[in-house]
Amino acid sequence: MYGGLTLPIKIGQRVAVGFDGYEIPDELRAYVKSHHLGNFILFSRNIRDSAQLRALCDNLQALAISANGVPAFISVDQEGGTVARLPEDATVLPGAMCVGASPDPEDAFRVGQIMGRELRALGINLNHAPCADVNSNPANPVIGVRSFGDSPETVGRLAARMIRGMAESGVLSCAKHFPGHGDTSEDSHLSLPCVEKSLQELEACELVPFAAAIGAGVPTMMTAHIRFPQIEPEAIPATMSRRIITGLLKQKMGYTGLVLSDCMMMKAIADHYGTVEGTVAALAAGVDMVYICHDAKLAAKACDAAAEALAAGRLSAAEMEQSAAKILAYKQNLPPAGTEISAVGCDAHRQTAREIAGRGLTLLRPPSGTCPPLGDSPLFLGCAPFRVSLASDPENRSVSFPYVMREALGGEAVIISPELGAEEIAGIVRQAAGHSAVVIGTYNGHLRTGQLELVRALAALGAPLICVALGGPYDLMDLPENVTRIAAFAYNAQTLAAVASLLAGGISPAGRLPVRSGN
């Protein structure tokens, strides 16, 4: 169907590019025409509402077909929870760890199905989800609640169900970040993490979900910008390693789908190898499509460098043909964009999302066996939402845990700092005295430990104390026994509504903690 393509077009098919703004910038339009950039990635910065997003996708497709004779992959990171790029008029879906906590494993399929339906209606055909990372390191600053949990088998089972849900809706899914980003304490957006595990150790943990994803027919898989020195002795990350991408993933594990890179502008690549040089190395390693998410000019330079490497024999001409043919085959088999934009944020989708968010709420070892009553003068505490990592969406300041709880349940609300010092802690403890109950929402307190110091200080007052973890459940692992603990897994309006309903006795928490510590 797409025969007779020139070499520049084939090279451009192996690149995806991002840009700023709600419309196609003139610079991007020029580089698509001159360098045949073949694919696009969208972020929150590109999305205002559903109507604007659908128009943008239609215009991107028209540009790609005009310049290349081939439609584009239009991709997005729509994981749910903390990484959700769609506009507010779309359905807010629970994140992976909330799904992992739900007692109904089919919730993973339901989330994938709704994701696929809404993305396809908006003109997006490739979704970078699910995370198949096993979050085995509680100090992980970038994965955390984006993972289904710390059991390789559970992560694999739920990732496979989400993949099938998206496939049923006609959108390509993506298992990431191969061979695993769960056991790091560094963020590859900011540094070059290193995992000192042998192949046997990886096969027992990190690779289990990716094998399950392959079994589920996952069409694309994204690489990790992480060094694994025990399986790649050169000082390069997995994205640039032929031993890992071609040897391990394609040959040993038998993966035949598309291999995508994480963004080549992340500091793990840009600061250590350079985006352009790293791109050529990734293509040589066996990556089928590279992402350059913020600079069309840099993407064009990468295309020029790939052409030079082909001419010099540093890239295989046969592999260039194979990867381009594989990309084109997937594009040929993609269903057209959906026409039912009314499905985006529809009542049925929102209701299902609310139910899943409620099922994921997890009550941990309450002192009395149940959630204590709030009484007539509860105090609600919590910081405003903040951006947890560069992978997360910009914070939504329109929601506030203390104020939402006060509006729903009465009492008093106080905003606290994300990282509290001794003076602020002492002042809040004085303010809490005399209240019938204290409810504090922590947000990644295991990494910003002043929040947990406040919980411990409040526990000494003796009044009923409830700690709600709005990010990772690791905040709840080492608290005094008289603290009632609730894992909520997300800081958004939908989750806060579910928490308020639980505290009011409207729903019963049914979740099971998907990480081992603290069960």
Protein backbone atom coordinates (compact mmCIF):
# COMPACT_ATOMS: atom_id res chain seq x y z
CA MET A 1 0.00 0.00 0.00
CA TYR A 2 2.89 2.37 0.75
CA GLY A 3 5.36 1.08 -1.84
CA GLY A 4 8.04 3.10 -3.59
CA LEU A 5 8.95 5.33 -0.67
CA THR A 6 12.23 7.24 -0.85
CA LEU A 7 14.99 6.70 1.70
CA PRO A 8 14.35 10.09 3.41
CA ILE A 9 10.71 9.12 3.92
CA LYS A 10 11.73 5.74 5.36
CA ILE A 11 14.13 7.44 7.76
CA GLY A 12 11.42 9.91 8.74
CA GLN A 13 9.06 7.03 9.51
CA ARG A 14 11.46 6.01 12.26
CA VAL A 15 11.22 9.36 14.08
CA ALA A 16 8.46 10.84 16.24
CA VAL A 17 8.53 14.50 17.21
CA GLY A 18 6.79 16.74 19.75
CA PHE A 19 6.09 20.47 19.67
CA ASP A 20 4.58 23.35 21.64
CA GLY A 21 1.13 24.80 21.21
CA TYR A 22 -2.43 23.90 20.29
CA GLU A 23 -1.81 24.19 16.54
CA ILE A 24 0.93 22.99 14.20
CA PRO A 25 3.88 25.41 14.39
CA ASP A 26 5.31 26.69 11.13
CA GLU A 27 8.73 25.26 12.05
CA LEU A 28 7.32 21.77 12.51
CA ARG A 29 5.39 22.03 9.25
CA ALA A 30 8.60 23.00 7.45
CA TYR A 31 10.65 20.12 8.89
CA VAL A 32 7.93 17.56 8.15
CA LYS A 33 8.08 18.68 4.53
CA SER A 34 11.88 18.92 4.28
CA HIS A 35 12.85 15.89 6.39
CA HIS A 36 9.67 13.81 6.19
CA LEU A 37 9.24 13.49 9.97
CA GLY A 38 6.66 10.74 10.12
CA ASN A 39 5.12 10.65 13.60
CA PHE A 40 4.03 12.92 16.45
CA ILE A 41 3.72 12.84 20.22
CA LEU A 42 1.32 15.09 22.13
CA PHE A 43 1.54 16.41 25.69
CA SER A 44 -0.68 18.49 27.94
CA ARG A 45 0.87 21.57 26.34
CA ASN A 46 -0.86 20.61 23.08
CA ILE A 47 -4.31 19.90 24.49
CA ARG A 48 -6.99 22.40 25.45
CA ASP A 49 -10.21 20.43 24.96
CA SER A 50 -11.56 17.52 22.96
CA ALA A 51 -12.72 19.53 19.94
CA GLN A 52 -9.35 21.30 19.63
CA LEU A 53 -7.46 18.02 20.08
CA ARG A 54 -9.42 16.21 17.38
CA ALA A 55 -8.88 19.11 14.97
CA LEU A 56 -5.14 19.09 15.74
CA CYS A 57 -4.89 15.34 15.11
CA ASP A 58 -6.77 15.65 11.83
CA ASN A 59 -4.42 18.44 10.74
CA LEU A 60 -1.34 16.42 11.74
CA GLN A 61 -2.56 13.49 9.68
CA ALA A 62 -3.23 15.72 6.70
CA LEU A 63 0.31 17.15 6.99
CA ALA A 64 1.91 13.70 7.23
CA ILE A 65 0.01 12.33 4.25
CA SER A 66 0.76 15.42 2.17
CA ALA A 67 4.50 15.30 2.95
CA ASN A 68 5.07 11.54 3.07
CA GLY A 69 2.14 9.75 1.47
CA VAL A 70 1.82 7.84 4.75
CA PRO A 71 -0.33 8.51 7.82
CA ALA A 72 1.34 9.27 11.14
CA PHE A 73 1.40 7.57 14.46
CA ILE A 74 -0.04 10.18 16.80
CA SER A 75 0.90 9.11 20.28
CA VAL A 76 0.37 10.20 23.87
CA ASP A 77 1.21 9.12 27.43
CA GLN A 78 -2.30 8.40 28.70
CA GLU A 79 -1.62 6.04 31.61
CA GLY A 80 -4.29 7.31 33.99
CA GLY A 81 -3.58 8.64 37.47
CA THR A 82 -0.56 10.96 37.62
CA VAL A 83 0.21 10.64 33.89
CA ALA A 84 -2.92 11.60 31.98
CA ARG A 85 -2.63 14.04 29.09
CA LEU A 86 -6.25 14.18 27.92
CA PRO A 87 -8.33 17.32 28.60
CA GLU A 88 -10.71 17.79 31.50
CA ASP A 89 -13.73 16.95 29.35
CA ALA A 90 -12.33 13.41 28.90
CA THR A 91 -12.70 10.64 31.47
CA VAL A 92 -10.27 10.81 34.40
CA LEU A 93 -9.08 7.23 34.73
CA PRO A 94 -7.43 5.64 37.79
CA GLY A 95 -3.72 4.94 37.59
CA ALA A 96 -2.07 1.54 37.50
CA MET A 97 -1.48 1.08 41.24
CA CYS A 98 -5.12 1.89 42.02
CA VAL A 99 -6.10 -0.74 39.43
CA GLY A 100 -3.61 -3.10 41.06
CA ALA A 101 -5.33 -2.57 44.41
CA SER A 102 -8.81 -3.29 43.06
CA PRO A 103 -10.20 -6.73 43.93
CA ASP A 104 -11.49 -7.06 40.35
CA PRO A 105 -8.68 -7.84 37.88
CA GLU A 106 -11.00 -7.01 34.98
CA ASP A 107 -10.68 -3.35 35.96
CA ALA A 108 -7.40 -3.33 34.02
CA PHE A 109 -9.28 -4.39 30.89
CA ARG A 110 -12.00 -1.79 31.52
CA VAL A 111 -9.47 1.03 31.91
CA GLY A 112 -7.68 -0.02 28.71
CA GLN A 113 -10.96 -0.25 26.84
CA ILE A 114 -12.08 3.24 27.89
CA MET A 115 -8.64 4.68 27.13
CA GLY A 116 -8.76 3.18 23.66
CA ARG A 117 -12.28 4.34 22.87
CA GLU A 118 -11.62 7.93 23.88
CA LEU A 119 -8.19 8.19 22.27
CA ARG A 120 -9.44 6.79 18.98
CA ALA A 121 -12.38 9.23 19.00
CA LEU A 122 -9.86 12.06 19.45
CA GLY A 123 -7.65 10.89 16.56
CA ILE A 124 -4.82 9.36 18.64
CA ASN A 125 -3.77 5.89 17.52
CA LEU A 126 -0.85 4.96 19.82
CA ASN A 127 -0.91 5.10 23.62
CA HIS A 128 2.25 4.74 25.69
CA ALA A 129 0.64 2.54 28.33
CA PRO A 130 0.71 0.41 30.35
CA CYS A 131 3.78 0.65 32.56
CA ALA A 132 5.04 -2.91 32.83
CA ASP A 133 7.63 -1.83 35.42
CA VAL A 134 7.68 -3.72 38.72
CA ASN A 135 7.97 -1.01 41.37
CA SER A 136 10.24 -3.02 43.65
CA ASN A 137 12.08 0.06 44.98
CA PRO A 138 9.89 2.25 47.25
CA ALA A 139 12.32 5.15 46.75
CA ASN A 140 11.67 5.17 42.98
CA PRO A 141 11.02 8.84 42.13
CA VAL A 142 9.49 8.41 38.68
CA ILE A 143 7.51 5.12 38.51
CA GLY A 144 5.76 4.57 41.87
CA VAL A 145 1.99 4.54 41.41
CA ARG A 146 2.45 4.29 37.62
CA SER A 147 3.19 0.60 38.27
CA PHE A 148 0.53 -1.99 39.09
CA GLY A 149 2.60 -3.04 42.11
CA ASP A 150 5.68 -4.97 43.19
CA SER A 151 4.63 -8.51 42.20
CA PRO A 152 6.02 -9.39 38.75
CA GLU A 153 3.20 -11.85 38.10
CA THR A 154 0.47 -9.38 39.07
CA VAL A 155 2.03 -6.59 37.02
CA GLY A 156 2.24 -8.91 34.02
CA ARG A 157 -1.33 -10.16 34.39
CA LEU A 158 -2.84 -6.69 34.68
CA ALA A 159 -0.65 -5.20 31.94
CA ALA A 160 -1.84 -7.96 29.61
CA ARG A 161 -5.48 -7.20 30.42
CA MET A 162 -5.00 -3.47 29.76
CA ILE A 163 -3.24 -4.23 26.47
CA ARG A 164 -6.20 -6.36 25.37
CA GLY A 165 -8.64 -3.62 26.38
CA MET A 166 -6.90 -1.08 24.16
CA ALA A 167 -6.62 -3.57 21.31
CA GLU A 168 -10.37 -4.15 21.40
CA SER A 169 -10.87 -0.40 21.03
CA GLY A 170 -8.56 -0.10 18.03
CA VAL A 171 -5.61 1.74 19.60
CA LEU A 172 -2.01 0.51 19.81
CA SER A 173 -0.69 0.03 23.33
CA CYS A 174 2.91 0.16 24.54
CA ALA A 175 4.57 -1.77 27.37
CA LYS A 176 7.27 0.32 29.02
CA HIS A 177 10.10 0.77 30.08
CA PHE A 178 12.06 -2.30 28.89
CA PRO A 179 13.89 -4.03 30.52
CA GLY A 180 12.48 -2.35 33.65
CA HIS A 181 12.55 1.02 35.43
CA GLY A 182 11.07 -0.16 38.74
CA ASP A 183 14.24 -0.78 40.75
CA THR A 184 15.87 2.63 40.46
CA SER A 185 16.17 5.52 42.88
CA GLU A 186 16.94 7.98 40.08
CA ASP A 187 14.81 9.55 37.35
CA SER A 188 16.14 9.09 33.80
CA HIS A 189 14.63 12.45 32.88
CA LEU A 190 17.32 13.97 35.11
CA SER A 191 20.19 11.46 35.31
CA LEU A 192 21.44 8.10 34.00
CA PRO A 193 20.26 5.39 36.42
CA CYS A 194 22.10 2.10 36.77
CA VAL A 195 20.63 -1.28 37.77
CA GLU A 196 23.20 -3.81 38.99
CA LYS A 197 21.25 -7.00 38.28
CA SER A 198 22.23 -10.12 36.44
CA LEU A 199 20.15 -11.52 33.59
CA GLN A 200 18.90 -14.24 35.92
CA GLU A 201 17.72 -11.64 38.44
CA LEU A 202 16.00 -9.65 35.68
CA GLU A 203 14.32 -12.79 34.38
CA ALA A 204 12.93 -13.49 37.85
CA CYS A 205 11.43 -10.02 38.26
CA GLU A 206 11.68 -7.19 35.72
CA LEU A 207 11.26 -9.27 32.55
CA VAL A 208 8.21 -11.22 33.76
CA PRO A 209 5.64 -8.51 32.87
CA PHE A 210 7.26 -7.84 29.50
CA ALA A 211 7.03 -11.53 28.65
CA ALA A 212 3.35 -11.39 29.63
CA ALA A 213 2.87 -8.34 27.41
CA ILE A 214 4.47 -10.16 24.50
CA GLY A 215 2.11 -13.06 25.13
CA ALA A 216 -0.81 -10.61 25.01
CA GLY A 217 0.32 -9.38 21.61
CA VAL A 218 1.51 -5.92 22.67
CA PRO A 219 2.22 -4.07 19.41
CA THR A 220 4.88 -1.67 20.73
CA MET A 221 7.39 -1.63 23.56
CA MET A 222 9.36 1.34 24.92
CA THR A 223 12.96 1.20 26.08
CA ALA A 224 14.49 2.49 29.31
CA HIS A 225 17.38 4.95 29.44
CA ILE A 226 19.05 2.88 32.16
CA ARG A 227 22.40 1.12 32.32
CA PHE A 228 22.43 -2.62 33.06
CA PRO A 229 26.18 -3.28 33.30
CA GLN A 230 25.86 -6.99 34.03
CA ILE A 231 24.23 -7.59 30.64
CA GLU A 232 25.73 -4.66 28.72
CA PRO A 233 29.39 -4.08 29.65
CA GLU A 234 29.67 -0.92 27.53
CA ALA A 235 28.78 2.28 29.39
CA ILE A 236 25.52 2.78 27.49
CA PRO A 237 21.84 2.53 28.45
CA ALA A 238 19.43 -0.14 27.25
CA THR A 239 18.06 2.18 24.54
CA MET A 240 21.48 2.22 22.85
CA SER A 241 22.45 -1.41 23.53
CA ARG A 242 22.26 -3.94 20.71
CA ARG A 243 22.81 -6.71 23.26
CA ILE A 244 19.63 -5.65 25.08
CA ILE A 245 17.35 -4.50 22.24
CA THR A 246 18.23 -6.98 19.52
CA GLY A 247 19.89 -9.76 21.51
CA LEU A 248 17.62 -9.94 24.56
CA LEU A 249 14.29 -8.46 23.49
CA LYS A 250 14.04 -9.44 19.84
CA GLN A 251 16.05 -12.66 19.69
CA LYS A 252 15.90 -14.24 23.16
CA MET A 253 12.38 -13.09 24.11
CA GLY A 254 11.08 -13.34 20.55
CA TYR A 255 9.51 -9.89 20.32
CA THR A 256 8.45 -9.00 16.77
CA GLY A 257 6.50 -5.77 17.39
CA LEU A 258 7.75 -2.20 17.22
CA VAL A 259 10.47 -1.09 19.64
CA LEU A 260 10.17 2.58 20.60
CA SER A 261 12.68 4.70 22.46
CA ASP A 262 11.86 6.86 25.42
CA CYS A 263 12.50 10.52 24.64
CA MET A 264 16.05 11.02 23.38
CA MET A 265 16.11 14.53 24.86
CA MET A 266 15.97 13.23 28.43
CA LYS A 267 19.15 14.00 30.36
CA ALA A 268 20.09 10.33 30.59
CA ILE A 269 20.78 10.55 26.84
CA ALA A 270 21.30 14.24 26.07
CA ASP A 271 23.84 14.94 28.83
CA HIS A 272 25.88 11.76 28.41
CA TYR A 273 25.78 10.92 24.69
CA GLY A 274 23.96 13.71 22.87
CA THR A 275 20.48 13.41 21.38
CA VAL A 276 21.60 13.09 17.75
CA GLU A 277 24.42 10.64 18.47
CA GLY A 278 22.19 8.70 20.84
CA THR A 279 19.50 8.47 18.17
CA VAL A 280 21.88 6.88 15.67
CA ALA A 281 23.09 4.46 18.36
CA ALA A 282 19.49 3.54 19.24
CA LEU A 283 18.67 2.81 15.60
CA ALA A 284 21.82 0.68 15.35
CA ALA A 285 20.79 -1.17 18.52
CA GLY A 286 17.49 -2.22 16.92
CA VAL A 287 15.08 0.48 18.09
CA ASP A 288 12.47 0.88 15.35
CA MET A 289 11.26 4.38 16.19
CA VAL A 290 12.93 7.12 18.23
CA TYR A 291 11.21 9.97 20.07
CA ILE A 292 12.53 13.53 20.06
CA CYS A 293 9.74 15.17 22.01
CA HIS A 294 10.53 18.88 22.16
CA ASP A 295 12.51 20.07 19.13
CA ALA A 296 11.66 19.56 15.45
CA LYS A 297 15.01 21.02 14.34
CA LEU A 298 16.85 18.46 16.47
CA ALA A 299 14.68 15.70 14.99
CA ALA A 300 15.66 16.88 11.51
CA LYS A 301 19.34 16.79 12.50
CA ALA A 302 18.85 13.22 13.74
CA CYS A 303 17.39 12.26 10.35
CA ASP A 304 20.43 13.78 8.61
CA ALA A 305 22.76 11.89 10.95
CA ALA A 306 20.91 8.62 10.27
CA ALA A 307 21.28 9.15 6.51
CA GLU A 308 25.02 9.80 6.94
CA ALA A 309 25.40 6.69 9.12
CA LEU A 310 23.64 4.61 6.46
CA ALA A 311 25.94 5.94 3.76
CA ALA A 312 28.98 5.18 5.93
CA GLY A 313 27.77 1.66 6.77
CA ARG A 314 27.31 2.39 10.48
CA LEU A 315 23.61 1.63 10.10
CA SER A 316 22.39 -1.48 8.32
CA ALA A 317 20.47 -0.77 5.09
CA ALA A 318 18.67 -4.08 5.47
CA GLU A 319 17.54 -3.24 9.01
CA MET A 320 16.42 0.20 7.85
CA GLU A 321 14.19 -1.49 5.29
CA GLN A 322 12.90 -4.00 7.84
CA SER A 323 12.00 -1.39 10.45
CA ALA A 324 10.36 0.92 7.92
CA ALA A 325 8.36 -2.00 6.50
CA LYS A 326 7.23 -3.03 9.98
CA ILE A 327 6.10 0.51 10.81
CA LEU A 328 4.20 0.76 7.53
CA ALA A 329 2.53 -2.61 8.12
CA TYR A 330 1.20 -1.46 11.48
CA LYS A 331 -0.04 1.78 9.95
CA GLN A 332 -1.77 -0.05 7.13
CA ASN A 333 -3.70 -2.18 9.63
CA LEU A 334 -4.76 0.67 11.93
CA PRO A 335 -8.50 1.32 12.00
CA PRO A 336 -9.49 4.87 11.04
CA ALA A 337 -10.01 7.47 13.72
CA GLY A 338 -13.33 7.14 15.47
CA THR A 339 -16.27 9.36 14.63
CA GLU A 340 -18.05 9.19 18.01
CA ILE A 341 -16.42 12.08 19.85
CA SER A 342 -19.44 11.99 22.16
CA ALA A 343 -17.81 8.92 23.74
CA VAL A 344 -15.13 11.18 25.23
CA GLY A 345 -16.02 11.78 28.86
CA CYS A 346 -19.44 10.17 28.47
CA ASP A 347 -21.50 9.32 31.56
CA ALA A 348 -20.92 5.56 31.21
CA HIS A 349 -17.13 5.98 31.09
CA ARG A 350 -17.09 8.38 34.03
CA GLN A 351 -19.25 6.09 36.12
CA THR A 352 -16.97 3.11 35.46
CA ALA A 353 -13.91 5.22 36.35
CA ARG A 354 -15.53 6.34 39.63
CA GLU A 355 -16.36 2.76 40.53
CA ILE A 356 -12.80 1.59 39.88
CA ALA A 357 -11.33 4.48 41.88
CA GLY A 358 -13.60 3.51 44.78
CA ARG A 359 -12.72 -0.19 44.55
CA GLY A 360 -9.02 0.68 44.72
CA LEU A 361 -9.25 2.54 48.04
CA THR A 362 -7.37 0.45 50.57
CA LEU A 363 -7.83 0.63 54.35
CA LEU A 364 -4.76 -0.62 56.21
CA ARG A 365 -4.97 -2.18 59.67
CA PRO A 366 -7.23 0.42 61.31
CA PRO A 367 -6.82 0.47 65.11
CA SER A 368 -10.55 -0.11 65.67
CA GLY A 369 -11.06 -2.43 62.67
CA THR A 370 -12.97 0.26 60.79
CA CYS A 371 -12.52 3.89 59.80
CA PRO A 372 -13.19 6.01 62.92
CA PRO A 373 -16.02 8.57 62.98
CA LEU A 374 -14.99 12.16 62.34
CA GLY A 375 -17.17 13.79 64.99
CA ASP A 376 -18.50 17.31 64.79
CA SER A 377 -15.23 19.25 64.38
CA PRO A 378 -12.75 17.41 62.15
CA LEU A 379 -9.54 19.06 60.94
CA PHE A 380 -8.38 18.31 57.39
CA LEU A 381 -4.72 18.84 56.47
CA GLY A 382 -2.73 18.40 53.30
CA CYS A 383 -0.38 20.10 50.86
CA ALA A 384 -1.47 21.43 47.50
CA PRO A 385 -0.75 19.07 44.58
CA PHE A 386 2.72 19.40 43.06
CA ARG A 387 4.44 17.83 40.07
CA VAL A 388 5.98 14.59 41.32
CA SER A 389 8.34 14.08 38.34
CA LEU A 390 8.85 15.36 34.80
CA ALA A 391 6.82 12.40 33.55
CA SER A 392 3.81 13.61 35.52
CA ASP A 393 1.34 16.20 34.35
CA PRO A 394 1.62 19.79 35.59
CA GLU A 395 -0.13 20.13 38.94
CA ASN A 396 -3.84 20.92 38.94
CA ARG A 397 -4.21 23.67 41.56
CA SER A 398 -8.00 23.59 41.25
CA VAL A 399 -8.16 20.60 43.61
CA SER A 400 -7.08 20.63 47.26
CA PHE A 401 -7.46 17.71 49.63
CA PRO A 402 -8.28 19.79 52.77
CA TYR A 403 -10.81 22.01 51.01
CA VAL A 404 -12.57 19.17 49.17
CA MET A 405 -12.89 17.26 52.46
CA ARG A 406 -14.18 20.31 54.32
CA GLU A 407 -16.76 21.01 51.62
CA ALA A 408 -18.00 17.42 51.71
CA LEU A 409 -17.72 16.71 55.43
CA GLY A 410 -17.61 20.01 57.33
CA GLY A 411 -14.93 20.99 59.82
CA GLU A 412 -11.78 23.04 59.24
CA ALA A 413 -9.21 22.90 56.42
CA VAL A 414 -5.52 23.88 56.51
CA ILE A 415 -3.01 23.77 53.65
CA ILE A 416 0.45 22.60 54.72
CA SER A 417 3.82 22.75 52.98
CA PRO A 418 4.98 19.74 50.90
CA GLU A 419 8.11 19.61 53.08
CA LEU A 420 7.52 20.83 56.63
CA GLY A 421 10.04 22.05 59.15
CA ALA A 422 9.88 21.76 62.94
CA GLU A 423 8.28 25.18 63.44
CA GLU A 424 5.39 24.50 61.02
CA ILE A 425 4.84 21.04 62.54
CA ALA A 426 4.63 22.49 66.04
CA GLY A 427 2.15 25.14 64.95
CA ILE A 428 -0.14 22.61 63.24
CA VAL A 429 -0.07 20.31 66.26
CA ARG A 430 -1.20 23.22 68.45
CA GLN A 431 -3.97 24.01 65.98
CA ALA A 432 -5.11 20.37 65.91
CA ALA A 433 -5.66 20.17 69.66
CA GLY A 434 -9.33 20.01 70.56
CA HIS A 435 -10.58 18.78 67.16
CA SER A 436 -12.78 15.68 67.17
CA ALA A 437 -10.59 13.97 64.53
CA VAL A 438 -7.66 14.86 62.27
CA VAL A 439 -7.42 13.70 58.64
CA ILE A 440 -4.17 14.37 56.81
CA GLY A 441 -3.58 13.76 53.13
CA THR A 442 0.09 13.05 52.44
CA TYR A 443 1.58 13.28 48.97
CA ASN A 444 4.81 11.36 48.42
CA GLY A 445 5.69 11.85 52.06
CA HIS A 446 8.12 8.93 51.95
CA LEU A 447 10.28 11.19 49.77
CA ARG A 448 9.30 14.49 51.51
CA THR A 449 9.57 13.19 55.03
CA GLY A 450 8.44 16.31 56.88
CA GLN A 451 4.85 15.26 56.08
CA LEU A 452 5.37 11.98 57.94
CA GLU A 453 7.02 13.75 60.86
CA LEU A 454 3.80 15.76 61.15
CA VAL A 455 1.72 12.55 61.17
CA ARG A 456 3.84 11.15 64.00
CA ALA A 457 3.53 14.37 65.98
CA LEU A 458 -0.26 14.42 65.51
CA ALA A 459 -0.51 10.78 66.62
CA ALA A 460 0.74 11.80 70.05
CA LEU A 461 -2.39 13.93 70.60
CA GLY A 462 -4.53 10.83 71.03
CA ALA A 463 -7.51 12.02 68.94
CA PRO A 464 -8.66 9.83 66.03
CA LEU A 465 -6.08 10.32 63.25
CA ILE A 466 -6.50 9.23 59.63
CA CYS A 467 -3.66 9.41 57.12
CA VAL A 468 -4.65 9.26 53.44
CA ALA A 469 -1.76 8.58 51.04
CA LEU A 470 -2.61 10.48 47.85
CA GLY A 471 0.50 9.25 46.04
CA GLY A 472 2.49 6.12 46.76
CA PRO A 473 1.25 3.95 49.65
CA TYR A 474 4.78 3.91 51.03
CA ASP A 475 3.80 6.92 53.17
CA LEU A 476 1.77 4.49 55.30
CA MET A 477 4.42 1.90 56.08
CA ASP A 478 6.04 3.18 59.26
CA LEU A 479 3.44 5.10 61.22
CA PRO A 480 2.27 4.75 64.83
CA GLU A 481 -0.26 1.99 65.47
CA ASN A 482 -3.04 4.41 66.41
CA VAL A 483 -3.09 5.93 62.88
CA THR A 484 -5.83 4.73 60.53
CA ARG A 485 -4.28 4.49 57.07
CA ILE A 486 -5.94 4.76 53.67
CA ALA A 487 -4.13 4.30 50.35
CA ALA A 488 -5.82 6.36 47.62
CA PHE A 489 -3.04 6.33 44.94
CA ALA A 490 -3.91 9.65 43.23
CA TYR A 491 -4.38 13.33 43.91
CA ASN A 492 -7.28 14.31 41.64
CA ALA A 493 -10.93 15.30 41.98
CA GLN A 494 -12.27 11.83 41.28
CA THR A 495 -10.11 10.19 43.95
CA LEU A 496 -10.85 12.89 46.51
CA ALA A 497 -14.58 12.38 45.95
CA ALA A 498 -14.13 8.65 46.60
CA VAL A 499 -12.15 9.35 49.79
CA ALA A 500 -14.84 11.73 51.04
CA SER A 501 -17.48 9.07 50.40
CA LEU A 502 -15.43 6.50 52.33
CA LEU A 503 -14.98 8.85 55.29
CA ALA A 504 -18.72 9.57 55.29
CA GLY A 505 -19.54 5.85 55.26
CA GLY A 506 -20.93 5.90 51.73
CA ILE A 507 -18.60 3.22 50.41
CA SER A 508 -16.59 0.44 52.01
CA PRO A 509 -12.90 0.15 51.13
CA ALA A 510 -12.31 -3.07 49.21
CA GLY A 511 -8.75 -2.60 47.95
CA ARG A 512 -5.77 -4.79 48.71
CA LEU A 513 -2.35 -3.16 48.87
CA PRO A 514 -0.43 -4.11 45.70
CA VAL A 515 2.97 -3.73 47.36
CA ARG A 516 4.21 -6.20 49.96
CA SER A 517 5.48 -3.94 52.73
CA GLY A 518 2.82 -3.00 55.23
CA ASN A 519 0.25 -5.69 54.43
